[in-house]
């Protein structure tokens, strides 16, 4: 795959990942954390806010591979 096409596909994947992940994380939080104390919210959003970085790092690593 040419590097320019790989970067385009990777960019689209990261955008989809961020949007879908944000919607899912917020929906789960709204459905399950309604009556929880503030520190549970803090822990949940801390972990979910950082967890999306792992798949994004893999996509970026794939995007930056040199071409053939």
PDB file of N, CA and C in Angstrom:
ATOM      1  N   UNK A   1       0.852  -1.171   0.000  1.00  0.00           N
ATOM      2  CA  UNK A   1       0.000   0.000   0.000  1.00  0.00           C
ATOM      3  C   UNK A   1       0.902   1.239   0.000  1.00  0.00           C
ATOM      4  N   UNK A   2       0.629   2.186  -0.861  1.00  0.00           N
ATOM      5  CA  UNK A   2       1.441   3.405  -0.888  1.00  0.00           C
ATOM      6  C   UNK A   2       1.318   4.184   0.432  1.00  0.00           C
ATOM      7  N   UNK A   3       2.380   4.860   0.825  1.00  0.00           N
ATOM      8  CA  UNK A   3       2.351   5.586   2.111  1.00  0.00           C
ATOM      9  C   UNK A   3       1.246   6.633   2.196  1.00  0.00           C
ATOM     10  N   UNK A   4       0.960   7.329   1.106  1.00  0.00           N
ATOM     11  CA  UNK A   4      -0.087   8.356   1.164  1.00  0.00           C
ATOM     12  C   UNK A   4      -1.459   7.737   1.413  1.00  0.00           C
ATOM     13  N   UNK A   5      -1.737   6.610   0.779  1.00  0.00           N
ATOM     14  CA  UNK A   5      -3.016   5.925   0.985  1.00  0.00           C
ATOM     15  C   UNK A   5      -3.093   5.369   2.401  1.00  0.00           C
ATOM     16  N   UNK A   6      -1.974   4.825   2.899  1.00  0.00           N
ATOM     17  CA  UNK A   6      -1.939   4.298   4.262  1.00  0.00           C
ATOM     18  C   UNK A   6      -2.224   5.410   5.275  1.00  0.00           C
ATOM     19  N   UNK A   7      -1.684   6.590   5.047  1.00  0.00           N
ATOM     20  CA  UNK A   7      -1.918   7.713   5.957  1.00  0.00           C
ATOM     21  C   UNK A   7      -3.358   8.193   5.892  1.00  0.00           C
ATOM     22  N   UNK A   8      -3.947   8.177   4.697  1.00  0.00           N
ATOM     23  CA  UNK A   8      -5.350   8.554   4.575  1.00  0.00           C
ATOM     24  C   UNK A   8      -6.247   7.573   5.314  1.00  0.00           C
ATOM     25  N   UNK A   9      -6.019   6.286   5.100  1.00  0.00           N
ATOM     26  CA  UNK A   9      -6.812   5.252   5.770  1.00  0.00           C
ATOM     27  C   UNK A   9      -6.618   5.340   7.283  1.00  0.00           C
ATOM     28  N   UNK A  10      -5.393   5.535   7.737  1.00  0.00           N
ATOM     29  CA  UNK A  10      -5.117   5.648   9.164  1.00  0.00           C
ATOM     30  C   UNK A  10      -5.792   6.856   9.790  1.00  0.00           C
ATOM     31  N   UNK A  11      -5.800   7.965   9.080  1.00  0.00           N
ATOM     32  CA  UNK A  11      -6.459   9.172   9.596  1.00  0.00           C
ATOM     33  C   UNK A  11      -7.957   8.948   9.756  1.00  0.00           C
ATOM     34  N   UNK A  12      -8.563   8.327   8.755  1.00  0.00           N
ATOM     35  CA  UNK A  12     -10.000   8.032   8.842  1.00  0.00           C
ATOM     36  C   UNK A  12     -10.273   7.065   9.994  1.00  0.00           C
ATOM     37  N   UNK A  13      -9.430   6.049  10.156  1.00  0.00           N
ATOM     38  CA  UNK A  13      -9.610   5.101  11.257  1.00  0.00           C
ATOM     39  C   UNK A  13      -9.501   5.780  12.620  1.00  0.00           C
ATOM     40  N   UNK A  14      -8.561   6.688  12.773  1.00  0.00           N
ATOM     41  CA  UNK A  14      -8.404   7.382  14.054  1.00  0.00           C
ATOM     42  C   UNK A  14      -9.613   8.267  14.336  1.00  0.00           C
ATOM     43  N   UNK A  15     -10.118   8.954  13.324  1.00  0.00           N
ATOM     44  CA  UNK A  15     -11.301   9.795  13.521  1.00  0.00           C
ATOM     45  C   UNK A  15     -12.497   8.947  13.932  1.00  0.00           C
ATOM     46  N   UNK A  16     -12.701   7.824  13.235  1.00  0.00           N
ATOM     47  CA  UNK A  16     -13.816   6.925  13.582  1.00  0.00           C
ATOM     48  C   UNK A  16     -13.622   6.363  14.992  1.00  0.00           C
ATOM     49  N   UNK A  17     -12.399   5.970  15.318  1.00  0.00           N
ATOM     50  CA  UNK A  17     -12.104   5.440  16.650  1.00  0.00           C
ATOM     51  C   UNK A  17     -12.450   6.448  17.737  1.00  0.00           C
ATOM     52  N   UNK A  18     -12.036   7.685  17.566  1.00  0.00           N
ATOM     53  CA  UNK A  18     -12.267   8.705  18.584  1.00  0.00           C
ATOM     54  C   UNK A  18     -13.754   8.993  18.743  1.00  0.00           C
ATOM     55  N   UNK A  19     -14.468   9.138  17.644  1.00  0.00           N
ATOM     56  CA  UNK A  19     -15.892   9.458  17.723  1.00  0.00           C
ATOM     57  C   UNK A  19     -16.678   8.307  18.340  1.00  0.00           C
ATOM     58  N   UNK A  20     -16.461   7.097  17.848  1.00  0.00           N
ATOM     59  CA  UNK A  20     -17.197   5.935  18.371  1.00  0.00           C
ATOM     60  C   UNK A  20     -16.835   5.685  19.832  1.00  0.00           C
ATOM     61  N   UNK A  21     -15.547   5.767  20.155  1.00  0.00           N
ATOM     62  CA  UNK A  21     -15.113   5.523  21.525  1.00  0.00           C
ATOM     63  C   UNK A  21     -15.698   6.555  22.488  1.00  0.00           C
ATOM     64  N   UNK A  22     -15.724   7.818  22.080  1.00  0.00           N
ATOM     65  CA  UNK A  22     -16.286   8.857  22.938  1.00  0.00           C
ATOM     66  C   UNK A  22     -17.783   8.631  23.165  1.00  0.00           C
ATOM     67  N   UNK A  23     -18.494   8.259  22.125  1.00  0.00           N
ATOM     68  CA  UNK A  23     -19.929   7.997  22.277  1.00  0.00           C
ATOM     69  C   UNK A  23     -20.189   6.797  23.183  1.00  0.00           C
ATOM     70  N   UNK A  24     -19.430   5.734  23.000  1.00  0.00           N
ATOM     71  CA  UNK A  24     -19.621   4.536  23.826  1.00  0.00           C
ATOM     72  C   UNK A  24     -19.249   4.822  25.280  1.00  0.00           C
ATOM     73  N   UNK A  25     -18.122   5.486  25.512  1.00  0.00           N
ATOM     74  CA  UNK A  25     -17.691   5.765  26.879  1.00  0.00           C
ATOM     75  C   UNK A  25     -18.686   6.670  27.599  1.00  0.00           C
ATOM     76  N   UNK A  26     -19.218   7.665  26.906  1.00  0.00           N
ATOM     77  CA  UNK A  26     -20.191   8.562  27.520  1.00  0.00           C
ATOM     78  C   UNK A  26     -21.516   7.861  27.767  1.00  0.00           C
ATOM     79  N   UNK A  27     -21.931   7.003  26.849  1.00  0.00           N
ATOM     80  CA  UNK A  27     -23.184   6.261  27.033  1.00  0.00           C
ATOM     81  C   UNK A  27     -23.072   5.308  28.219  1.00  0.00           C
ATOM     82  N   UNK A  28     -21.961   4.603  28.321  1.00  0.00           N
ATOM     83  CA  UNK A  28     -21.762   3.695  29.457  1.00  0.00           C
ATOM     84  C   UNK A  28     -21.732   4.480  30.758  1.00  0.00           C
ATOM     85  N   UNK A  29     -21.073   5.616  30.769  1.00  0.00           N
ATOM     86  CA  UNK A  29     -21.010   6.432  31.980  1.00  0.00           C
ATOM     87  C   UNK A  29     -22.393   6.932  32.369  1.00  0.00           C
ATOM     88  N   UNK A  30     -23.166   7.373  31.406  1.00  0.00           N
ATOM     89  CA  UNK A  30     -24.508   7.873  31.703  1.00  0.00           C
ATOM     90  C   UNK A  30     -25.415   6.763  32.230  1.00  0.00           C
ATOM     91  N   UNK A  31     -25.260   5.573  31.686  1.00  0.00           N
ATOM     92  CA  UNK A  31     -26.129   4.464  32.073  1.00  0.00           C
ATOM     93  C   UNK A  31     -25.737   3.843  33.410  1.00  0.00           C
ATOM     94  N   UNK A  32     -24.466   3.875  33.773  1.00  0.00           N
ATOM     95  CA  UNK A  32     -24.036   3.139  34.960  1.00  0.00           C
ATOM     96  C   UNK A  32     -23.547   3.998  36.117  1.00  0.00           C
ATOM     97  N   UNK A  33     -23.120   5.220  35.852  1.00  0.00           N
ATOM     98  CA  UNK A  33     -22.497   6.016  36.913  1.00  0.00           C
ATOM     99  C   UNK A  33     -23.383   7.135  37.437  1.00  0.00           C
ATOM    100  N   UNK A  34     -24.669   7.053  37.206  1.00  0.00           N
ATOM    101  CA  UNK A  34     -25.565   8.142  37.581  1.00  0.00           C
ATOM    102  C   UNK A  34     -25.531   8.511  39.057  1.00  0.00           C
ATOM    103  N   UNK A  35     -25.535   7.543  39.927  1.00  0.00           N
ATOM    104  CA  UNK A  35     -25.589   7.800  41.358  1.00  0.00           C
ATOM    105  C   UNK A  35     -24.271   7.531  42.068  1.00  0.00           C
ATOM    106  N   UNK A  36     -23.207   7.388  41.320  1.00  0.00           N
ATOM    107  CA  UNK A  36     -21.902   7.087  41.905  1.00  0.00           C
ATOM    108  C   UNK A  36     -21.265   8.350  42.471  1.00  0.00           C
ATOM    109  N   UNK A  37     -20.359   8.187  43.436  1.00  0.00           N
ATOM    110  CA  UNK A  37     -19.653   9.357  43.972  1.00  0.00           C
ATOM    111  C   UNK A  37     -18.689   9.953  42.947  1.00  0.00           C
ATOM    112  N   UNK A  38     -18.232  11.156  43.234  1.00  0.00           N
ATOM    113  CA  UNK A  38     -17.390  11.897  42.294  1.00  0.00           C
ATOM    114  C   UNK A  38     -16.087  11.174  41.990  1.00  0.00           C
ATOM    115  N   UNK A  39     -15.541  10.467  42.963  1.00  0.00           N
ATOM    116  CA  UNK A  39     -14.246   9.834  42.734  1.00  0.00           C
ATOM    117  C   UNK A  39     -14.358   8.642  41.785  1.00  0.00           C
ATOM    118  N   UNK A  40     -15.512   7.995  41.733  1.00  0.00           N
ATOM    119  CA  UNK A  40     -15.744   6.923  40.757  1.00  0.00           C
ATOM    120  C   UNK A  40     -15.780   7.527  39.349  1.00  0.00           C
ATOM    121  N   UNK A  41     -16.437   8.668  39.209  1.00  0.00           N
ATOM    122  CA  UNK A  41     -16.466   9.363  37.923  1.00  0.00           C
ATOM    123  C   UNK A  41     -15.052   9.746  37.499  1.00  0.00           C
ATOM    124  N   UNK A  42     -14.272  10.252  38.444  1.00  0.00           N
ATOM    125  CA  UNK A  42     -12.903  10.653  38.150  1.00  0.00           C
ATOM    126  C   UNK A  42     -12.080   9.476  37.652  1.00  0.00           C
ATOM    127  N   UNK A  43     -12.149   8.350  38.338  1.00  0.00           N
ATOM    128  CA  UNK A  43     -11.399   7.161  37.938  1.00  0.00           C
ATOM    129  C   UNK A  43     -11.870   6.650  36.577  1.00  0.00           C
ATOM    130  N   UNK A  44     -13.191   6.603  36.383  1.00  0.00           N
ATOM    131  CA  UNK A  44     -13.734   6.107  35.112  1.00  0.00           C
ATOM    132  C   UNK A  44     -13.269   6.968  33.943  1.00  0.00           C
ATOM    133  N   UNK A  45     -13.427   8.277  34.066  1.00  0.00           N
ATOM    134  CA  UNK A  45     -13.062   9.144  32.952  1.00  0.00           C
ATOM    135  C   UNK A  45     -11.557   9.267  32.792  1.00  0.00           C
ATOM    136  N   UNK A  46     -10.795   9.071  33.847  1.00  0.00           N
ATOM    137  CA  UNK A  46      -9.340   9.052  33.717  1.00  0.00           C
ATOM    138  C   UNK A  46      -8.911   7.856  32.869  1.00  0.00           C
ATOM    139  N   UNK A  47      -9.420   6.670  33.196  1.00  0.00           N
ATOM    140  CA  UNK A  47      -9.042   5.476  32.447  1.00  0.00           C
ATOM    141  C   UNK A  47      -9.610   5.469  31.034  1.00  0.00           C
ATOM    142  N   UNK A  48     -10.869   5.855  30.879  1.00  0.00           N
ATOM    143  CA  UNK A  48     -11.434   5.851  29.527  1.00  0.00           C
ATOM    144  C   UNK A  48     -10.834   6.964  28.674  1.00  0.00           C
ATOM    145  N   UNK A  49     -10.421   8.045  29.297  1.00  0.00           N
ATOM    146  CA  UNK A  49      -9.787   9.121  28.547  1.00  0.00           C
ATOM    147  C   UNK A  49      -8.404   8.752  28.058  1.00  0.00           C
ATOM    148  N   UNK A  50      -7.727   7.867  28.751  1.00  0.00           N
ATOM    149  CA  UNK A  50      -6.391   7.452  28.344  1.00  0.00           C
ATOM    150  C   UNK A  50      -6.385   6.157  27.534  1.00  0.00           C
ATOM    151  N   UNK A  51      -7.425   5.346  27.648  1.00  0.00           N
ATOM    152  CA  UNK A  51      -7.437   4.020  27.035  1.00  0.00           C
ATOM    153  C   UNK A  51      -7.501   4.065  25.510  1.00  0.00           C
ATOM    154  N   UNK A  52      -8.105   5.103  24.931  1.00  0.00           N
ATOM    155  CA  UNK A  52      -8.211   5.175  23.473  1.00  0.00           C
ATOM    156  C   UNK A  52      -6.855   5.419  22.820  1.00  0.00           C
ATOM    157  N   UNK A  53      -5.881   5.849  23.599  1.00  0.00           N
ATOM    158  CA  UNK A  53      -4.563   6.148  23.048  1.00  0.00           C
ATOM    159  C   UNK A  53      -3.872   4.872  22.563  1.00  0.00           C
ATOM    160  N   UNK A  54      -4.110   3.740  23.216  1.00  0.00           N
ATOM    161  CA  UNK A  54      -3.445   2.493  22.823  1.00  0.00           C
ATOM    162  C   UNK A  54      -3.766   2.074  21.388  1.00  0.00           C
ATOM    163  N   UNK A  55      -5.042   1.980  20.998  1.00  0.00           N
ATOM    164  CA  UNK A  55      -5.300   1.635  19.599  1.00  0.00           C
ATOM    165  C   UNK A  55      -4.846   2.730  18.628  1.00  0.00           C
ATOM    166  N   UNK A  56      -4.925   3.987  19.054  1.00  0.00           N
ATOM    167  CA  UNK A  56      -4.471   5.069  18.180  1.00  0.00           C
ATOM    168  C   UNK A  56      -2.966   4.973  17.943  1.00  0.00           C
ATOM    169  N   UNK A  57      -2.213   4.580  18.965  1.00  0.00           N
ATOM    170  CA  UNK A  57      -0.767   4.418  18.795  1.00  0.00           C
ATOM    171  C   UNK A  57      -0.463   3.316  17.790  1.00  0.00           C
ATOM    172  N   UNK A  58      -1.216   2.230  17.840  1.00  0.00           N
ATOM    173  CA  UNK A  58      -0.998   1.143  16.879  1.00  0.00           C
ATOM    174  C   UNK A  58      -1.314   1.582  15.450  1.00  0.00           C
ATOM    175  N   UNK A  59      -2.377   2.370  15.296  1.00  0.00           N
ATOM    176  CA  UNK A  59      -2.732   2.863  13.963  1.00  0.00           C
ATOM    177  C   UNK A  59      -1.646   3.808  13.452  1.00  0.00           C
ATOM    178  N   UNK A  60      -1.155   4.692  14.305  1.00  0.00           N
ATOM    179  CA  UNK A  60      -0.107   5.633  13.898  1.00  0.00           C
ATOM    180  C   UNK A  60       1.180   4.886  13.553  1.00  0.00           C
ATOM    181  N   UNK A  61       1.495   3.859  14.327  1.00  0.00           N
ATOM    182  CA  UNK A  61       2.679   3.055  14.034  1.00  0.00           C
ATOM    183  C   UNK A  61       2.543   2.391  12.660  1.00  0.00           C
ATOM    184  N   UNK A  62       1.353   1.883  12.359  1.00  0.00           N
ATOM    185  CA  UNK A  62       1.105   1.270  11.060  1.00  0.00           C
ATOM    186  C   UNK A  62       1.197   2.311   9.938  1.00  0.00           C
ATOM    187  N   UNK A  63       0.681   3.525  10.200  1.00  0.00           N
ATOM    188  CA  UNK A  63       0.707   4.579   9.191  1.00  0.00           C
ATOM    189  C   UNK A  63       2.134   4.995   8.837  1.00  0.00           C
ATOM    190  N   UNK A  64       3.037   4.949   9.797  1.00  0.00           N
ATOM    191  CA  UNK A  64       4.384   5.446   9.599  1.00  0.00           C
ATOM    192  C   UNK A  64       5.357   4.413   9.044  1.00  0.00           C
ATOM    193  N   UNK A  65       4.891   3.225   8.735  1.00  0.00           N
ATOM    194  CA  UNK A  65       5.762   2.216   8.129  1.00  0.00           C
ATOM    195  C   UNK A  65       6.282   2.741   6.792  1.00  0.00           C
ATOM    196  N   UNK A  66       7.534   2.459   6.495  1.00  0.00           N
ATOM    197  CA  UNK A  66       8.051   2.912   5.204  1.00  0.00           C
ATOM    198  C   UNK A  66       7.421   2.111   4.053  1.00  0.00           C
ATOM    199  N   UNK A  67       7.322   2.745   2.915  1.00  0.00           N
ATOM    200  CA  UNK A  67       6.775   2.081   1.736  1.00  0.00           C
ATOM    201  C   UNK A  67       7.760   1.065   1.176  1.00  0.00           C
ATOM    202  N   UNK A  68       7.276   0.272   0.254  1.00  0.00           N
ATOM    203  CA  UNK A  68       8.139  -0.758  -0.332  1.00  0.00           C
ATOM    204  C   UNK A  68       9.096  -0.171  -1.332  1.00  0.00           C
TER     205      UNK A  68
END
